[in-house]
Amino acid sequence: MRSQQIHFPWPPNLLENPSKEMSSTLFFNAHDEIIDLLTIYGEERHVIFPIEEIVRRAANGEVRKLLLYHTHPSGNPAPSQADIVSTRKLCVALKNYPARLVDHLIFAGDKSFSFRANAML
């Protein structure tokens, strides 16, 4: 990823239902423009990342970068073991495509966690 910061419109529904986890994947082209968005809602303590659907959309020849983020209504931004495993599976699934996961962010109230900043990508 280039050193410039990627700017994107923050989804207004980040805390639409603060009692359930939600996940969004932003898909960027080579010009750092958002060209697709996938949002799903889970349960109180988990959300299942649709890895196959993310990879299917990433297979679009225009997609170069993905940003995955989700919420933790518990208030604890630390990734669960399932978050870690799913993120690794997604990175492996993307190996045959030009698209790369640039970060996986977890938001929990006013706290956040970055897989990239914590050297987990």
PDB file of N, CA and C in Angstrom:
ATOM      1  N   MET A   1       0.835  -1.177   0.000  1.00  0.00           N
ATOM      2  CA  MET A   1       0.000   0.000   0.000  1.00  0.00           C
ATOM      3  C   MET A   1       0.878   1.238   0.000  1.00  0.00           C
ATOM      4  N   ARG A   2       0.495   2.225  -0.800  1.00  0.00           N
ATOM      5  CA  ARG A   2       1.248   3.471  -0.815  1.00  0.00           C
ATOM      6  C   ARG A   2       1.155   4.146   0.545  1.00  0.00           C
ATOM      7  N   SER A   3       2.080   5.083   0.783  1.00  0.00           N
ATOM      8  CA  SER A   3       2.132   5.738   2.072  1.00  0.00           C
ATOM      9  C   SER A   3       0.998   6.730   2.285  1.00  0.00           C
ATOM     10  N   GLN A   4       0.286   7.097   1.205  1.00  0.00           N
ATOM     11  CA  GLN A   4      -0.800   8.048   1.386  1.00  0.00           C
ATOM     12  C   GLN A   4      -1.951   7.401   2.136  1.00  0.00           C
ATOM     13  N   GLN A   5      -2.688   8.216   2.842  1.00  0.00           N
ATOM     14  CA  GLN A   5      -3.817   7.730   3.613  1.00  0.00           C
ATOM     15  C   GLN A   5      -5.015   7.521   2.701  1.00  0.00           C
ATOM     16  N   ILE A   6      -5.730   6.431   2.903  1.00  0.00           N
ATOM     17  CA  ILE A   6      -6.941   6.173   2.148  1.00  0.00           C
ATOM     18  C   ILE A   6      -8.083   6.894   2.860  1.00  0.00           C
ATOM     19  N   HIS A   7      -8.828   7.693   2.126  1.00  0.00           N
ATOM     20  CA  HIS A   7      -9.980   8.392   2.692  1.00  0.00           C
ATOM     21  C   HIS A   7     -11.249   7.719   2.187  1.00  0.00           C
ATOM     22  N   PHE A   8     -12.175   7.492   3.066  1.00  0.00           N
ATOM     23  CA  PHE A   8     -13.438   6.912   2.656  1.00  0.00           C
ATOM     24  C   PHE A   8     -14.546   7.474   3.531  1.00  0.00           C
ATOM     25  N   PRO A   9     -15.752   7.499   3.005  1.00  0.00           N
ATOM     26  CA  PRO A   9     -16.870   7.998   3.807  1.00  0.00           C
ATOM     27  C   PRO A   9     -17.172   7.003   4.919  1.00  0.00           C
ATOM     28  N   TRP A  10     -17.194   7.471   6.126  1.00  0.00           N
ATOM     29  CA  TRP A  10     -17.448   6.558   7.240  1.00  0.00           C
ATOM     30  C   TRP A  10     -18.901   6.136   7.215  1.00  0.00           C
ATOM     31  N   PRO A  11     -19.201   4.871   7.184  1.00  0.00           N
ATOM     32  CA  PRO A  11     -20.600   4.447   7.125  1.00  0.00           C
ATOM     33  C   PRO A  11     -21.378   4.964   8.339  1.00  0.00           C
ATOM     34  N   PRO A  12     -22.482   5.644   8.113  1.00  0.00           N
ATOM     35  CA  PRO A  12     -23.248   6.189   9.224  1.00  0.00           C
ATOM     36  C   PRO A  12     -23.901   5.122  10.081  1.00  0.00           C
ATOM     37  N   ASN A  13     -23.981   3.884   9.585  1.00  0.00           N
ATOM     38  CA  ASN A  13     -24.650   2.827  10.335  1.00  0.00           C
ATOM     39  C   ASN A  13     -23.694   1.998  11.195  1.00  0.00           C
ATOM     40  N   LEU A  14     -22.520   2.517  11.493  1.00  0.00           N
ATOM     41  CA  LEU A  14     -21.537   1.748  12.263  1.00  0.00           C
ATOM     42  C   LEU A  14     -22.148   1.214  13.548  1.00  0.00           C
ATOM     43  N   LEU A  15     -22.951   2.022  14.201  1.00  0.00           N
ATOM     44  CA  LEU A  15     -23.582   1.583  15.449  1.00  0.00           C
ATOM     45  C   LEU A  15     -25.104   1.566  15.308  1.00  0.00           C
ATOM     46  N   GLU A  16     -25.573   1.190  14.121  1.00  0.00           N
ATOM     47  CA  GLU A  16     -27.009   1.153  13.881  1.00  0.00           C
ATOM     48  C   GLU A  16     -27.710   0.261  14.899  1.00  0.00           C
ATOM     49  N   ASN A  17     -27.137  -0.886  15.183  1.00  0.00           N
ATOM     50  CA  ASN A  17     -27.673  -1.780  16.203  1.00  0.00           C
ATOM     51  C   ASN A  17     -26.518  -2.115  17.146  1.00  0.00           C
ATOM     52  N   PRO A  18     -26.310  -1.284  18.177  1.00  0.00           N
ATOM     53  CA  PRO A  18     -25.134  -1.449  19.034  1.00  0.00           C
ATOM     54  C   PRO A  18     -25.100  -2.739  19.836  1.00  0.00           C
ATOM     55  N   SER A  19     -26.189  -3.510  19.858  1.00  0.00           N
ATOM     56  CA  SER A  19     -26.183  -4.755  20.623  1.00  0.00           C
ATOM     57  C   SER A  19     -25.742  -5.959  19.793  1.00  0.00           C
ATOM     58  N   LYS A  20     -25.558  -5.765  18.476  1.00  0.00           N
ATOM     59  CA  LYS A  20     -25.129  -6.863  17.605  1.00  0.00           C
ATOM     60  C   LYS A  20     -23.872  -6.464  16.842  1.00  0.00           C
ATOM     61  N   GLU A  21     -23.004  -7.451  16.616  1.00  0.00           N
ATOM     62  CA  GLU A  21     -21.809  -7.190  15.820  1.00  0.00           C
ATOM     63  C   GLU A  21     -22.199  -6.972  14.364  1.00  0.00           C
ATOM     64  N   MET A  22     -21.463  -6.080  13.711  1.00  0.00           N
ATOM     65  CA  MET A  22     -21.637  -5.878  12.279  1.00  0.00           C
ATOM     66  C   MET A  22     -20.261  -5.831  11.652  1.00  0.00           C
ATOM     67  N   SER A  23     -20.206  -6.187  10.385  1.00  0.00           N
ATOM     68  CA  SER A  23     -18.942  -6.212   9.667  1.00  0.00           C
ATOM     69  C   SER A  23     -19.142  -5.580   8.293  1.00  0.00           C
ATOM     70  N   SER A  24     -18.150  -4.812   7.872  1.00  0.00           N
ATOM     71  CA  SER A  24     -18.163  -4.259   6.524  1.00  0.00           C
ATOM     72  C   SER A  24     -16.807  -4.503   5.887  1.00  0.00           C
ATOM     73  N   THR A  25     -16.835  -4.724   4.595  1.00  0.00           N
ATOM     74  CA  THR A  25     -15.619  -4.835   3.808  1.00  0.00           C
ATOM     75  C   THR A  25     -15.703  -3.778   2.719  1.00  0.00           C
ATOM     76  N   LEU A  26     -14.681  -2.939   2.662  1.00  0.00           N
ATOM     77  CA  LEU A  26     -14.579  -1.920   1.622  1.00  0.00           C
ATOM     78  C   LEU A  26     -13.611  -2.442   0.564  1.00  0.00           C
ATOM     79  N   PHE A  27     -13.977  -2.302  -0.700  1.00  0.00           N
ATOM     80  CA  PHE A  27     -13.162  -2.770  -1.814  1.00  0.00           C
ATOM     81  C   PHE A  27     -12.673  -1.543  -2.582  1.00  0.00           C
ATOM     82  N   PHE A  28     -11.365  -1.422  -2.748  1.00  0.00           N
ATOM     83  CA  PHE A  28     -10.755  -0.259  -3.401  1.00  0.00           C
ATOM     84  C   PHE A  28     -10.114  -0.657  -4.726  1.00  0.00           C
ATOM     85  N   ASN A  29     -10.133   0.268  -5.674  1.00  0.00           N
ATOM     86  CA  ASN A  29      -9.421   0.055  -6.931  1.00  0.00           C
ATOM     87  C   ASN A  29      -7.990   0.577  -6.795  1.00  0.00           C
ATOM     88  N   ALA A  30      -7.261   0.584  -7.890  1.00  0.00           N
ATOM     89  CA  ALA A  30      -5.854   1.015  -7.877  1.00  0.00           C
ATOM     90  C   ALA A  30      -5.691   2.500  -7.571  1.00  0.00           C
ATOM     91  N   HIS A  31      -6.783   3.259  -7.647  1.00  0.00           N
ATOM     92  CA  HIS A  31      -6.745   4.698  -7.362  1.00  0.00           C
ATOM     93  C   HIS A  31      -7.262   5.010  -5.965  1.00  0.00           C
ATOM     94  N   ASP A  32      -7.373   3.976  -5.130  1.00  0.00           N
ATOM     95  CA  ASP A  32      -7.871   4.100  -3.755  1.00  0.00           C
ATOM     96  C   ASP A  32      -9.305   4.626  -3.683  1.00  0.00           C
ATOM     97  N   GLU A  33     -10.085   4.298  -4.706  1.00  0.00           N
ATOM     98  CA  GLU A  33     -11.494   4.661  -4.718  1.00  0.00           C
ATOM     99  C   GLU A  33     -12.309   3.441  -4.295  1.00  0.00           C
ATOM    100  N   ILE A  34     -13.314   3.667  -3.476  1.00  0.00           N
ATOM    101  CA  ILE A  34     -14.191   2.573  -3.075  1.00  0.00           C
ATOM    102  C   ILE A  34     -15.058   2.190  -4.272  1.00  0.00           C
ATOM    103  N   ILE A  35     -15.012   0.896  -4.611  1.00  0.00           N
ATOM    104  CA  ILE A  35     -15.818   0.438  -5.737  1.00  0.00           C
ATOM    105  C   ILE A  35     -16.867  -0.589  -5.321  1.00  0.00           C
ATOM    106  N   ASP A  36     -16.805  -1.029  -4.064  1.00  0.00           N
ATOM    107  CA  ASP A  36     -17.810  -1.970  -3.570  1.00  0.00           C
ATOM    108  C   ASP A  36     -17.798  -1.934  -2.049  1.00  0.00           C
ATOM    109  N   LEU A  37     -18.911  -2.306  -1.465  1.00  0.00           N
ATOM    110  CA  LEU A  37     -19.059  -2.354  -0.012  1.00  0.00           C
ATOM    111  C   LEU A  37     -19.945  -3.536   0.324  1.00  0.00           C
ATOM    112  N   LEU A  38     -19.502  -4.351   1.258  1.00  0.00           N
ATOM    113  CA  LEU A  38     -20.281  -5.497   1.722  1.00  0.00           C
ATOM    114  C   LEU A  38     -20.463  -5.344   3.222  1.00  0.00           C
ATOM    115  N   THR A  39     -21.703  -5.285   3.685  1.00  0.00           N
ATOM    116  CA  THR A  39     -21.996  -5.150   5.110  1.00  0.00           C
ATOM    117  C   THR A  39     -22.901  -6.287   5.533  1.00  0.00           C
ATOM    118  N   ILE A  40     -22.554  -6.896   6.658  1.00  0.00           N
ATOM    119  CA  ILE A  40     -23.374  -7.973   7.215  1.00  0.00           C
ATOM    120  C   ILE A  40     -23.555  -7.734   8.704  1.00  0.00           C
ATOM    121  N   TYR A  41     -24.610  -8.310   9.249  1.00  0.00           N
ATOM    122  CA  TYR A  41     -24.902  -8.185  10.677  1.00  0.00           C
ATOM    123  C   TYR A  41     -24.886  -9.558  11.300  1.00  0.00           C
ATOM    124  N   GLY A  42     -24.366  -9.631  12.510  1.00  0.00           N
ATOM    125  CA  GLY A  42     -24.273 -10.898  13.212  1.00  0.00           C
ATOM    126  C   GLY A  42     -25.137 -10.907  14.458  1.00  0.00           C
ATOM    127  N   GLU A  43     -24.625 -11.547  15.457  1.00  0.00           N
ATOM    128  CA  GLU A  43     -25.324 -11.669  16.734  1.00  0.00           C
ATOM    129  C   GLU A  43     -24.633 -10.798  17.782  1.00  0.00           C
ATOM    130  N   GLU A  44     -25.033 -10.962  19.022  1.00  0.00           N
ATOM    131  CA  GLU A  44     -24.485 -10.135  20.102  1.00  0.00           C
ATOM    132  C   GLU A  44     -22.979 -10.312  20.273  1.00  0.00           C
ATOM    133  N   ARG A  45     -22.495 -11.534  20.137  1.00  0.00           N
ATOM    134  CA  ARG A  45     -21.087 -11.792  20.419  1.00  0.00           C
ATOM    135  C   ARG A  45     -20.288 -12.302  19.225  1.00  0.00           C
ATOM    136  N   HIS A  46     -20.889 -12.343  18.055  1.00  0.00           N
ATOM    137  CA  HIS A  46     -20.107 -12.802  16.899  1.00  0.00           C
ATOM    138  C   HIS A  46     -20.772 -12.399  15.584  1.00  0.00           C
ATOM    139  N   VAL A  47     -19.931 -12.342  14.594  1.00  0.00           N
ATOM    140  CA  VAL A  47     -20.388 -12.151  13.225  1.00  0.00           C
ATOM    141  C   VAL A  47     -19.521 -13.071  12.369  1.00  0.00           C
ATOM    142  N   ILE A  48     -20.135 -13.752  11.446  1.00  0.00           N
ATOM    143  CA  ILE A  48     -19.391 -14.672  10.585  1.00  0.00           C
ATOM    144  C   ILE A  48     -18.998 -13.924   9.321  1.00  0.00           C
ATOM    145  N   PHE A  49     -17.695 -13.812   9.080  1.00  0.00           N
ATOM    146  CA  PHE A  49     -17.214 -13.122   7.891  1.00  0.00           C
ATOM    147  C   PHE A  49     -17.476 -13.994   6.670  1.00  0.00           C
ATOM    148  N   PRO A  50     -18.152 -13.477   5.674  1.00  0.00           N
ATOM    149  CA  PRO A  50     -18.460 -14.268   4.470  1.00  0.00           C
ATOM    150  C   PRO A  50     -17.243 -14.327   3.545  1.00  0.00           C
ATOM    151  N   ILE A  51     -16.265 -15.134   3.922  1.00  0.00           N
ATOM    152  CA  ILE A  51     -14.993 -15.173   3.204  1.00  0.00           C
ATOM    153  C   ILE A  51     -15.190 -15.471   1.720  1.00  0.00           C
ATOM    154  N   GLU A  52     -16.039 -16.441   1.393  1.00  0.00           N
ATOM    155  CA  GLU A  52     -16.249 -16.776  -0.025  1.00  0.00           C
ATOM    156  C   GLU A  52     -16.811 -15.596  -0.800  1.00  0.00           C
ATOM    157  N   GLU A  53     -17.748 -14.865  -0.210  1.00  0.00           N
ATOM    158  CA  GLU A  53     -18.335 -13.712  -0.892  1.00  0.00           C
ATOM    159  C   GLU A  53     -17.316 -12.582  -1.020  1.00  0.00           C
ATOM    160  N   ILE A  54     -16.514 -12.385   0.007  1.00  0.00           N
ATOM    161  CA  ILE A  54     -15.468 -11.351  -0.053  1.00  0.00           C
ATOM    162  C   ILE A  54     -14.487 -11.681  -1.179  1.00  0.00           C
ATOM    163  N   VAL A  55     -14.060 -12.925  -1.255  1.00  0.00           N
ATOM    164  CA  VAL A  55     -13.112 -13.337  -2.299  1.00  0.00           C
ATOM    165  C   VAL A  55     -13.764 -13.232  -3.675  1.00  0.00           C
ATOM    166  N   ARG A  56     -15.028 -13.608  -3.787  1.00  0.00           N
ATOM    167  CA  ARG A  56     -15.729 -13.502  -5.074  1.00  0.00           C
ATOM    168  C   ARG A  56     -15.733 -12.051  -5.558  1.00  0.00           C
ATOM    169  N   ARG A  57     -16.013 -11.125  -4.652  1.00  0.00           N
ATOM    170  CA  ARG A  57     -16.018  -9.716  -5.034  1.00  0.00           C
ATOM    171  C   ARG A  57     -14.594  -9.208  -5.291  1.00  0.00           C
ATOM    172  N   ALA A  58     -13.631  -9.708  -4.537  1.00  0.00           N
ATOM    173  CA  ALA A  58     -12.231  -9.302  -4.725  1.00  0.00           C
ATOM    174  C   ALA A  58     -11.684  -9.803  -6.054  1.00  0.00           C
ATOM    175  N   ALA A  59     -12.300 -10.855  -6.609  1.00  0.00           N
ATOM    176  CA  ALA A  59     -11.846 -11.402  -7.883  1.00  0.00           C
ATOM    177  C   ALA A  59     -12.148 -10.458  -9.042  1.00  0.00           C
ATOM    178  N   ASN A  60     -12.966  -9.452  -8.795  1.00  0.00           N
ATOM    179  CA  ASN A  60     -13.213  -8.405  -9.796  1.00  0.00           C
ATOM    180  C   ASN A  60     -11.858  -7.812 -10.146  1.00  0.00           C
ATOM    181  N   GLY A  61     -11.519  -7.778 -11.401  1.00  0.00           N
ATOM    182  CA  GLY A  61     -10.199  -7.323 -11.833  1.00  0.00           C
ATOM    183  C   GLY A  61      -9.817  -5.935 -11.390  1.00  0.00           C
ATOM    184  N   GLU A  62     -10.789  -5.122 -10.965  1.00  0.00           N
ATOM    185  CA  GLU A  62     -10.487  -3.767 -10.531  1.00  0.00           C
ATOM    186  C   GLU A  62     -10.051  -3.679  -9.074  1.00  0.00           C
ATOM    187  N   VAL A  63     -10.398  -4.647  -8.260  1.00  0.00           N
ATOM    188  CA  VAL A  63     -10.132  -4.575  -6.821  1.00  0.00           C
ATOM    189  C   VAL A  63      -8.646  -4.812  -6.538  1.00  0.00           C
ATOM    190  N   ARG A  64      -8.056  -3.893  -5.773  1.00  0.00           N
ATOM    191  CA  ARG A  64      -6.645  -4.007  -5.399  1.00  0.00           C
ATOM    192  C   ARG A  64      -6.433  -4.063  -3.894  1.00  0.00           C
ATOM    193  N   LYS A  65      -7.348  -3.475  -3.146  1.00  0.00           N
ATOM    194  CA  LYS A  65      -7.205  -3.421  -1.687  1.00  0.00           C
ATOM    195  C   LYS A  65      -8.562  -3.655  -1.037  1.00  0.00           C
ATOM    196  N   LEU A  66      -8.512  -4.261   0.129  1.00  0.00           N
ATOM    197  CA  LEU A  66      -9.710  -4.458   0.928  1.00  0.00           C
ATOM    198  C   LEU A  66      -9.441  -3.954   2.329  1.00  0.00           C
ATOM    199  N   LEU A  67     -10.455  -3.391   2.932  1.00  0.00           N
ATOM    200  CA  LEU A  67     -10.397  -2.984   4.331  1.00  0.00           C
ATOM    201  C   LEU A  67     -11.587  -3.627   5.013  1.00  0.00           C
ATOM    202  N   LEU A  68     -11.323  -4.464   5.981  1.00  0.00           N
ATOM    203  CA  LEU A  68     -12.359  -5.158   6.734  1.00  0.00           C
ATOM    204  C   LEU A  68     -12.467  -4.501   8.098  1.00  0.00           C
ATOM    205  N   TYR A  69     -13.666  -4.239   8.535  1.00  0.00           N
ATOM    206  CA  TYR A  69     -13.832  -3.760   9.908  1.00  0.00           C
ATOM    207  C   TYR A  69     -15.113  -4.331  10.478  1.00  0.00           C
ATOM    208  N   HIS A  70     -15.124  -4.451  11.806  1.00  0.00           N
ATOM    209  CA  HIS A  70     -16.341  -4.887  12.469  1.00  0.00           C
ATOM    210  C   HIS A  70     -16.400  -4.329  13.879  1.00  0.00           C
ATOM    211  N   THR A  71     -17.567  -4.472  14.485  1.00  0.00           N
ATOM    212  CA  THR A  71     -17.783  -3.929  15.826  1.00  0.00           C
ATOM    213  C   THR A  71     -17.774  -5.039  16.868  1.00  0.00           C
ATOM    214  N   HIS A  72     -17.409  -4.640  18.081  1.00  0.00           N
ATOM    215  CA  HIS A  72     -17.520  -5.497  19.251  1.00  0.00           C
ATOM    216  C   HIS A  72     -18.399  -4.759  20.260  1.00  0.00           C
ATOM    217  N   PRO A  73     -19.679  -5.048  20.334  1.00  0.00           N
ATOM    218  CA  PRO A  73     -20.572  -4.362  21.267  1.00  0.00           C
ATOM    219  C   PRO A  73     -20.170  -4.544  22.737  1.00  0.00           C
ATOM    220  N   SER A  74     -19.352  -5.547  23.014  1.00  0.00           N
ATOM    221  CA  SER A  74     -18.919  -5.804  24.392  1.00  0.00           C
ATOM    222  C   SER A  74     -18.086  -4.666  24.966  1.00  0.00           C
ATOM    223  N   GLY A  75     -17.503  -3.832  24.091  1.00  0.00           N
ATOM    224  CA  GLY A  75     -16.637  -2.756  24.556  1.00  0.00           C
ATOM    225  C   GLY A  75     -15.171  -3.145  24.571  1.00  0.00           C
ATOM    226  N   ASN A  76     -14.877  -4.413  24.295  1.00  0.00           N
ATOM    227  CA  ASN A  76     -13.498  -4.893  24.279  1.00  0.00           C
ATOM    228  C   ASN A  76     -13.061  -5.037  22.814  1.00  0.00           C
ATOM    229  N   PRO A  77     -12.090  -4.221  22.376  1.00  0.00           N
ATOM    230  CA  PRO A  77     -11.683  -4.285  20.972  1.00  0.00           C
ATOM    231  C   PRO A  77     -10.719  -5.419  20.626  1.00  0.00           C
ATOM    232  N   ALA A  78     -10.274  -6.178  21.603  1.00  0.00           N
ATOM    233  CA  ALA A  78      -9.314  -7.257  21.335  1.00  0.00           C
ATOM    234  C   ALA A  78      -9.943  -8.296  20.408  1.00  0.00           C
ATOM    235  N   PRO A  79      -9.190  -8.754  19.405  1.00  0.00           N
ATOM    236  CA  PRO A  79      -9.748  -9.750  18.487  1.00  0.00           C
ATOM    237  C   PRO A  79      -9.957 -11.092  19.180  1.00  0.00           C
ATOM    238  N   SER A  80     -11.053 -11.745  18.841  1.00  0.00           N
ATOM    239  CA  SER A  80     -11.295 -13.097  19.347  1.00  0.00           C
ATOM    240  C   SER A  80     -10.453 -14.065  18.529  1.00  0.00           C
ATOM    241  N   GLN A  81     -10.369 -15.295  18.991  1.00  0.00           N
ATOM    242  CA  GLN A  81      -9.644 -16.314  18.222  1.00  0.00           C
ATOM    243  C   GLN A  81     -10.300 -16.501  16.862  1.00  0.00           C
ATOM    244  N   ALA A  82     -11.625 -16.416  16.819  1.00  0.00           N
ATOM    245  CA  ALA A  82     -12.343 -16.547  15.542  1.00  0.00           C
ATOM    246  C   ALA A  82     -12.000 -15.384  14.607  1.00  0.00           C
ATOM    247  N   ASP A  83     -11.847 -14.169  15.149  1.00  0.00           N
ATOM    248  CA  ASP A  83     -11.448 -13.018  14.331  1.00  0.00           C
ATOM    249  C   ASP A  83     -10.076 -13.260  13.704  1.00  0.00           C
ATOM    250  N   ILE A  84      -9.159 -13.766  14.505  1.00  0.00           N
ATOM    251  CA  ILE A  84      -7.789 -14.008  14.044  1.00  0.00           C
ATOM    252  C   ILE A  84      -7.773 -15.088  12.961  1.00  0.00           C
ATOM    253  N   VAL A  85      -8.462 -16.191  13.219  1.00  0.00           N
ATOM    254  CA  VAL A  85      -8.496 -17.301  12.262  1.00  0.00           C
ATOM    255  C   VAL A  85      -9.157 -16.865  10.954  1.00  0.00           C
ATOM    256  N   SER A  86     -10.274 -16.145  11.045  1.00  0.00           N
ATOM    257  CA  SER A  86     -10.978 -15.694   9.840  1.00  0.00           C
ATOM    258  C   SER A  86     -10.122 -14.738   9.021  1.00  0.00           C
ATOM    259  N   THR A  87      -9.403 -13.860   9.696  1.00  0.00           N
ATOM    260  CA  THR A  87      -8.540 -12.908   8.998  1.00  0.00           C
ATOM    261  C   THR A  87      -7.428 -13.645   8.263  1.00  0.00           C
ATOM    262  N   ARG A  88      -6.836 -14.625   8.917  1.00  0.00           N
ATOM    263  CA  ARG A  88      -5.782 -15.421   8.267  1.00  0.00           C
ATOM    264  C   ARG A  88      -6.336 -16.189   7.072  1.00  0.00           C
ATOM    265  N   LYS A  89      -7.526 -16.772   7.227  1.00  0.00           N
ATOM    266  CA  LYS A  89      -8.147 -17.517   6.121  1.00  0.00           C
ATOM    267  C   LYS A  89      -8.408 -16.592   4.938  1.00  0.00           C
ATOM    268  N   LEU A  90      -8.860 -15.370   5.218  1.00  0.00           N
ATOM    269  CA  LEU A  90      -9.126 -14.419   4.146  1.00  0.00           C
ATOM    270  C   LEU A  90      -7.831 -14.071   3.412  1.00  0.00           C
ATOM    271  N   CYS A  91      -6.769 -13.814   4.149  1.00  0.00           N
ATOM    272  CA  CYS A  91      -5.477 -13.482   3.518  1.00  0.00           C
ATOM    273  C   CYS A  91      -4.986 -14.630   2.635  1.00  0.00           C
ATOM    274  N   VAL A  92      -5.128 -15.851   3.104  1.00  0.00           N
ATOM    275  CA  VAL A  92      -4.712 -17.019   2.316  1.00  0.00           C
ATOM    276  C   VAL A  92      -5.592 -17.143   1.069  1.00  0.00           C
ATOM    277  N   ALA A  93      -6.890 -16.947   1.223  1.00  0.00           N
ATOM    278  CA  ALA A  93      -7.815 -17.065   0.094  1.00  0.00           C
ATOM    279  C   ALA A  93      -7.554 -16.012  -0.977  1.00  0.00           C
ATOM    280  N   LEU A  94      -6.981 -14.878  -0.594  1.00  0.00           N
ATOM    281  CA  LEU A  94      -6.709 -13.798  -1.541  1.00  0.00           C
ATOM    282  C   LEU A  94      -5.375 -13.952  -2.273  1.00  0.00           C
ATOM    283  N   LYS A  95      -4.578 -14.927  -1.894  1.00  0.00           N
ATOM    284  CA  LYS A  95      -3.227 -15.064  -2.467  1.00  0.00           C
ATOM    285  C   LYS A  95      -3.204 -15.190  -3.989  1.00  0.00           C
ATOM    286  N   ASN A  96      -4.243 -15.735  -4.588  1.00  0.00           N
ATOM    287  CA  ASN A  96      -4.267 -15.919  -6.038  1.00  0.00           C
ATOM    288  C   ASN A  96      -4.852 -14.731  -6.795  1.00  0.00           C
ATOM    289  N   TYR A  97      -5.095 -13.643  -6.081  1.00  0.00           N
ATOM    290  CA  TYR A  97      -5.708 -12.452  -6.676  1.00  0.00           C
ATOM    291  C   TYR A  97      -4.831 -11.234  -6.415  1.00  0.00           C
ATOM    292  N   PRO A  98      -4.957 -10.191  -7.226  1.00  0.00           N
ATOM    293  CA  PRO A  98      -4.153  -8.985  -6.984  1.00  0.00           C
ATOM    294  C   PRO A  98      -4.632  -8.165  -5.786  1.00  0.00           C
ATOM    295  N   ALA A  99      -5.807  -8.472  -5.263  1.00  0.00           N
ATOM    296  CA  ALA A  99      -6.354  -7.740  -4.114  1.00  0.00           C
ATOM    297  C   ALA A  99      -5.693  -8.200  -2.820  1.00  0.00           C
ATOM    298  N   ARG A 100      -5.398  -7.234  -1.946  1.00  0.00           N
ATOM    299  CA  ARG A 100      -4.777  -7.530  -0.653  1.00  0.00           C
ATOM    300  C   ARG A 100      -5.558  -6.866   0.473  1.00  0.00           C
ATOM    301  N   LEU A 101      -5.636  -7.542   1.605  1.00  0.00           N
ATOM    302  CA  LEU A 101      -6.257  -6.980   2.797  1.00  0.00           C
ATOM    303  C   LEU A 101      -5.276  -5.996   3.429  1.00  0.00           C
ATOM    304  N   VAL A 102      -5.645  -4.716   3.477  1.00  0.00           N
ATOM    305  CA  VAL A 102      -4.735  -3.712   4.021  1.00  0.00           C
ATOM    306  C   VAL A 102      -4.868  -3.576   5.534  1.00  0.00           C
ATOM    307  N   ASP A 103      -6.035  -3.912   6.083  1.00  0.00           N
ATOM    308  CA  ASP A 103      -6.196  -3.915   7.541  1.00  0.00           C
ATOM    309  C   ASP A 103      -7.527  -4.547   7.893  1.00  0.00           C
ATOM    310  N   HIS A 104      -7.595  -4.991   9.130  1.00  0.00           N
ATOM    311  CA  HIS A 104      -8.838  -5.460   9.731  1.00  0.00           C
ATOM    312  C   HIS A 104      -8.944  -4.666  11.025  1.00  0.00           C
ATOM    313  N   LEU A 105      -9.953  -3.832  11.104  1.00  0.00           N
ATOM    314  CA  LEU A 105     -10.151  -2.964  12.267  1.00  0.00           C
ATOM    315  C   LEU A 105     -11.330  -3.460  13.082  1.00  0.00           C
ATOM    316  N   ILE A 106     -11.194  -3.346  14.409  1.00  0.00           N
ATOM    317  CA  ILE A 106     -12.290  -3.698  15.311  1.00  0.00           C
ATOM    318  C   ILE A 106     -12.612  -2.458  16.127  1.00  0.00           C
ATOM    319  N   PHE A 107     -13.892  -2.095  16.143  1.00  0.00           N
ATOM    320  CA  PHE A 107     -14.339  -0.935  16.908  1.00  0.00           C
ATOM    321  C   PHE A 107     -15.211  -1.397  18.059  1.00  0.00           C
ATOM    322  N   ALA A 108     -14.912  -0.887  19.238  1.00  0.00           N
ATOM    323  CA  ALA A 108     -15.666  -1.229  20.444  1.00  0.00           C
ATOM    324  C   ALA A 108     -15.877   0.060  21.236  1.00  0.00           C
ATOM    325  N   GLY A 109     -16.984   0.713  20.994  1.00  0.00           N
ATOM    326  CA  GLY A 109     -17.225   2.009  21.631  1.00  0.00           C
ATOM    327  C   GLY A 109     -16.180   3.000  21.158  1.00  0.00           C
ATOM    328  N   ASP A 110     -15.468   3.612  22.101  1.00  0.00           N
ATOM    329  CA  ASP A 110     -14.437   4.596  21.727  1.00  0.00           C
ATOM    330  C   ASP A 110     -13.054   3.969  21.599  1.00  0.00           C
ATOM    331  N   LYS A 111     -12.975   2.638  21.653  1.00  0.00           N
ATOM    332  CA  LYS A 111     -11.708   1.924  21.527  1.00  0.00           C
ATOM    333  C   LYS A 111     -11.654   1.215  20.177  1.00  0.00           C
ATOM    334  N   SER A 112     -10.445   0.959  19.706  1.00  0.00           N
ATOM    335  CA  SER A 112     -10.307   0.235  18.440  1.00  0.00           C
ATOM    336  C   SER A 112      -9.040  -0.618  18.453  1.00  0.00           C
ATOM    337  N   PHE A 113      -8.985  -1.536  17.510  1.00  0.00           N
ATOM    338  CA  PHE A 113      -7.861  -2.442  17.351  1.00  0.00           C
ATOM    339  C   PHE A 113      -7.563  -2.573  15.860  1.00  0.00           C
ATOM    340  N   SER A 114      -6.306  -2.514  15.495  1.00  0.00           N
ATOM    341  CA  SER A 114      -5.881  -2.671  14.106  1.00  0.00           C
ATOM    342  C   SER A 114      -4.984  -3.899  13.994  1.00  0.00           C
ATOM    343  N   PHE A 115      -5.351  -4.821  13.120  1.00  0.00           N
ATOM    344  CA  PHE A 115      -4.508  -5.988  12.887  1.00  0.00           C
ATOM    345  C   PHE A 115      -3.155  -5.537  12.310  1.00  0.00           C
ATOM    346  N   ARG A 116      -3.167  -4.572  11.408  1.00  0.00           N
ATOM    347  CA  ARG A 116      -1.919  -4.106  10.791  1.00  0.00           C
ATOM    348  C   ARG A 116      -1.013  -3.459  11.843  1.00  0.00           C
ATOM    349  N   ALA A 117      -1.554  -2.553  12.641  1.00  0.00           N
ATOM    350  CA  ALA A 117      -0.749  -1.848  13.645  1.00  0.00           C
ATOM    351  C   ALA A 117      -0.186  -2.807  14.693  1.00  0.00           C
ATOM    352  N   ASN A 118      -0.835  -3.941  14.877  1.00  0.00           N
ATOM    353  CA  ASN A 118      -0.372  -4.940  15.837  1.00  0.00           C
ATOM    354  C   ASN A 118       0.378  -6.090  15.169  1.00  0.00           C
ATOM    355  N   ALA A 119       0.850  -5.839  13.943  1.00  0.00           N
ATOM    356  CA  ALA A 119       1.669  -6.797  13.183  1.00  0.00           C
ATOM    357  C   ALA A 119       1.004  -8.181  13.060  1.00  0.00           C
ATOM    358  N   MET A 120      -0.308  -8.178  12.832  1.00  0.00           N
ATOM    359  CA  MET A 120      -1.054  -9.428  12.697  1.00  0.00           C
ATOM    360  C   MET A 120      -1.506  -9.668  11.262  1.00  0.00           C
ATOM    361  N   LEU A 121      -0.985  -8.874  10.321  1.00  0.00           N
ATOM    362  CA  LEU A 121      -1.291  -9.074   8.910  1.00  0.00           C
ATOM    363  C   LEU A 121       0.007  -9.317   8.176  1.00  0.00           C
TER     364      LEU A 121
END
